[in-house]
Protein backbone atom coordinates (compact mmCIF):
# COMPACT_ATOMS: atom_id res chain seq x y z
CA MET A 1 0.06 -0.07 0.04
CA THR A 2 1.40 3.38 -1.07
CA THR A 3 1.21 6.25 1.42
CA SER A 4 0.49 9.85 0.32
CA LEU A 5 4.09 10.75 1.07
CA GLU A 6 5.56 8.09 -1.21
CA ARG A 7 3.23 9.25 -4.09
CA LEU A 8 5.00 12.57 -4.17
CA SER A 9 8.03 13.45 -6.33
CA PRO A 10 11.39 13.46 -4.69
CA VAL A 11 11.40 17.28 -4.47
CA HIS A 12 8.00 17.56 -2.99
CA ARG A 13 8.68 14.48 -0.65
CA LYS A 14 11.80 16.32 0.84
CA SER A 15 9.78 19.42 1.33
CA ALA A 16 6.94 17.51 3.09
CA LEU A 17 9.34 15.87 5.36
CA ARG A 18 11.09 19.16 6.07
CA ASN A 19 7.69 20.76 7.00
CA LYS A 20 6.92 17.89 9.37
CA LEU A 21 10.22 18.02 11.13
CA MET A 22 9.81 21.87 11.62
CA GLY A 23 6.31 21.39 12.91
CA ALA A 24 7.42 18.83 15.52
CA GLY A 25 10.59 20.95 16.43
CA GLY A 26 8.24 23.91 16.87
CA ALA A 27 5.92 22.01 19.13
CA ALA A 28 8.95 20.72 21.29
CA VAL A 29 10.08 24.38 21.68
CA VAL A 30 6.69 25.50 22.91
CA VAL A 31 6.49 22.62 25.30
CA GLY A 32 9.97 23.28 26.55
CA MET A 33 9.37 27.00 27.13
CA ILE A 34 6.26 26.16 29.13
CA ALA A 35 8.21 23.78 31.31
CA LEU A 36 10.91 26.40 31.77
CA THR A 37 8.42 29.07 32.86
CA TYR A 38 7.02 26.86 35.67
CA ALA A 39 10.56 25.75 36.58
CA ALA A 40 11.88 29.35 36.59
CA ALA A 41 9.74 30.67 39.42
CA PRO A 42 11.53 28.95 42.32
CA PHE A 43 14.88 30.09 40.70
CA PHE A 44 13.72 33.66 40.51
CA ILE A 45 12.61 33.76 44.09
CA ALA A 46 16.04 32.29 45.13
CA PHE A 47 17.76 34.77 42.92
CA CYS A 48 15.80 37.66 44.50
CA ARG A 49 16.77 36.45 48.00
CA ALA A 50 20.29 36.15 47.07
CA THR A 51 20.84 39.41 45.37
CA GLY A 52 18.16 41.68 46.81
CA TYR A 53 16.58 42.23 43.41
CA ALA A 54 13.21 43.88 43.42
CA GLY A 55 13.84 45.03 46.99
CA THR A 56 14.00 41.59 48.49
CA PRO A 57 15.78 41.64 52.00
CA GLN A 58 18.40 38.94 52.65
CA ARG A 59 17.99 36.09 55.18
CA VAL A 60 20.96 35.33 57.34
CA GLU A 61 21.64 33.15 60.43
CA ALA A 62 23.45 35.93 62.37
CA ALA A 63 25.28 39.10 61.94
CA THR A 64 28.17 38.62 59.49
CA THR A 65 30.39 41.20 61.12
CA ASP A 66 30.93 43.04 64.36
CA ALA A 67 31.88 46.19 62.53
CA GLU A 68 29.58 49.25 62.54
CA GLY A 69 29.28 51.82 59.79
CA GLY A 70 29.40 55.61 60.25
CA ARG A 71 26.13 56.48 58.76
CA ILE A 72 22.71 56.65 60.43
CA LEU A 73 19.70 55.62 58.24
CA ARG A 74 16.03 55.78 59.00
CA VAL A 75 14.06 52.45 58.64
CA ALA A 76 10.25 52.88 58.54
CA PHE A 77 7.79 50.12 58.79
CA ASP A 78 4.64 49.68 56.78
CA ALA A 79 2.12 46.96 57.76
CA ASN A 80 -1.00 45.98 55.53
CA VAL A 81 -3.71 43.50 55.46
CA ALA A 82 -5.07 42.41 52.06
CA PRO A 83 -8.75 42.23 51.38
CA GLY A 84 -10.33 39.14 52.54
CA LEU A 85 -8.17 38.61 55.78
CA PRO A 86 -10.04 39.72 58.94
CA TRP A 87 -6.95 40.48 60.81
CA LYS A 88 -5.47 43.59 62.41
CA PHE A 89 -1.79 44.13 61.77
CA GLU A 90 0.51 46.98 62.78
CA ALA A 91 4.14 47.82 63.72
CA GLU A 92 4.88 48.79 67.37
CA THR A 93 6.74 51.91 66.03
CA ASP A 94 6.65 53.92 62.81
CA ALA A 95 10.54 53.94 62.33
CA VAL A 96 13.73 53.49 63.86
CA HIS A 97 17.26 55.07 63.32
CA VAL A 98 19.86 52.37 62.37
CA ARG A 99 23.66 52.41 62.24
CA PRO A 100 24.77 49.81 59.58
CA GLY A 101 26.13 46.74 61.36
CA LYS A 102 23.96 47.22 64.48
CA THR A 103 21.47 44.43 65.14
CA VAL A 104 17.91 45.89 65.76
CA THR A 105 14.75 44.15 67.12
CA VAL A 106 11.23 45.61 66.44
CA PHE A 107 7.85 43.98 67.04
CA PHE A 108 4.74 43.72 64.96
CA ARG A 109 1.42 43.03 66.44
CA ALA A 110 -1.33 40.98 64.82
CA GLU A 111 -4.94 40.03 65.86
CA ASN A 112 -7.39 37.67 64.29
CA LEU A 113 -10.82 39.41 64.33
CA ALA A 114 -12.69 36.43 63.11
CA ASP A 115 -14.47 33.67 65.02
CA ARG A 116 -12.39 30.95 63.34
CA GLU A 117 -8.89 29.93 63.04
CA ILE A 118 -6.95 31.56 60.03
CA THR A 119 -3.68 31.20 58.44
CA ALA A 120 -1.99 34.18 56.77
CA HIS A 121 0.80 34.30 54.23
CA PRO A 122 3.19 37.25 54.69
CA THR A 123 4.81 39.01 51.77
CA PHE A 124 7.57 41.68 52.20
CA ASN A 125 9.90 43.95 50.45
CA VAL A 126 11.92 47.09 51.06
CA THR A 127 12.19 50.43 49.27
CA PRO A 128 14.19 51.86 47.64
CA ALA A 129 14.86 48.45 45.93
CA VAL A 130 18.55 48.99 45.79
CA SER A 131 18.61 48.76 49.52
CA GLY A 132 17.35 45.16 49.52
CA ALA A 133 20.82 43.79 48.83
CA TRP A 134 22.00 45.36 52.26
CA PHE A 135 19.00 44.67 54.37
CA ASP A 136 19.70 41.46 56.32
CA LYS A 137 16.90 39.66 58.39
CA ILE A 138 18.00 37.23 61.16
CA GLN A 139 14.51 36.42 62.45
CA CYS A 140 11.01 37.31 60.95
CA PHE A 141 7.54 35.99 61.06
CA CYS A 142 7.57 36.39 57.28
CA PHE A 143 9.77 33.25 56.87
CA THR A 144 6.64 31.04 57.20
CA ASN A 145 2.85 31.08 57.08
CA GLU A 146 1.29 32.23 60.39
CA THR A 147 -1.88 30.80 61.99
CA LEU A 148 -3.96 32.61 64.73
CA LYS A 149 -6.80 31.16 66.61
CA PRO A 150 -10.10 33.08 66.91
CA HIS A 151 -9.44 36.51 68.30
CA GLU A 152 -5.95 35.61 69.19
CA LYS A 153 -3.34 38.46 69.59
CA VAL A 154 0.35 37.97 69.01
CA GLU A 155 3.60 40.08 68.95
CA TRP A 156 6.09 38.99 66.31
CA PRO A 157 9.83 40.16 66.63
CA VAL A 158 11.80 41.04 63.49
CA VAL A 159 15.53 41.06 64.07
CA PHE A 160 17.65 42.74 61.32
CA PHE A 161 20.67 44.63 60.52
CA LEU A 162 21.97 46.88 57.61
CA ASN A 163 25.14 45.42 56.06
CA PRO A 164 27.83 47.90 56.66
CA GLU A 165 29.16 47.22 53.14
CA LEU A 166 26.29 49.36 51.86
CA GLU A 167 28.54 52.37 52.67
CA LYS A 168 30.77 51.28 49.78
CA ASP A 169 27.84 51.11 47.31
CA GLU A 170 27.57 54.24 45.30
CA SER A 171 23.94 53.56 44.53
CA MET A 172 23.29 53.91 48.29
CA ALA A 173 25.22 57.12 48.73
CA HIS A 174 22.06 59.30 48.62
CA VAL A 175 19.69 56.82 50.39
CA ASP A 176 19.14 57.87 54.04
CA ALA A 177 15.74 56.31 54.52
CA ILE A 178 14.43 52.71 53.86
CA THR A 179 10.91 51.36 54.29
CA LEU A 180 10.25 47.75 55.17
CA SER A 181 6.87 46.74 54.05
CA TYR A 182 4.72 43.76 54.90
CA THR A 183 1.32 42.62 53.50
CA LEU A 184 -0.58 39.70 55.05
CA PHE A 185 -2.73 37.64 52.74
CA ALA A 186 -5.25 34.87 53.62
CA ALA A 187 -3.52 31.54 52.91
CA PRO A 188 -5.58 29.10 50.89
CA PRO A 189 -6.88 26.14 52.87
CA THR A 190 -4.77 23.09 53.09
CA ARG A 191 -6.13 19.92 51.30
CA ALA A 192 -6.73 18.27 54.65
CA SER A 193 -8.79 21.23 56.03
CA ALA A 194 -10.72 21.59 52.82
CA SER A 195 -11.67 17.84 52.84
CA GLU A 196 -12.71 18.05 56.50
CA ALA A 197 -14.99 21.01 55.70
CA THR A 198 -16.62 18.93 52.86
CA ARG A 199 -17.23 15.98 55.19
CA ASP A 200 -18.70 18.24 57.93
CA GLY A 201 -21.11 19.93 55.51
CA PRO A 202 -23.04 22.92 56.34
CA ALA A 203 -23.71 23.88 60.02
CA GLY A 204 -27.12 23.58 61.47
């Protein structure tokens, strides 16, 4: 039995084969690009944390130096709650003045205003974005999701320092104020809690 490709002349047969190969190659490229897009997200997050890109503060285990810089910078705090999360959230102070290399501890207060347990997902950044590379956090509630029981109130410490190497960075020469911003979002329910809600059914 003769296939449609075999009935073609040698010239047309080569052209048809080339078109098929090009089509298969194009499909493979598209699939590969989609896979790379999904795979790139964790690498992008890690890149931001490692470089301070987009105003992402650094996470460290402890102060990396005992040296202190000569400048004094103002660090302000911005606390926000996204729509859909019935919490109250605020910093204990509007701002502190920090010498690079000096470890600082500030507290944030949170309260669950709802009659049910809720988990929040914190997001954070600093502005101006260039300061993210020099803003080092030792301890922060933002490293994990946080769960509060109904009407529970908590105080969360944030321990940080400004790397004194920032004084060698020309892009930081005219920066004398930094803002550390947090936004709390309602975390999606876990698979276990969602299945439990389904089994329980509506109240009443």
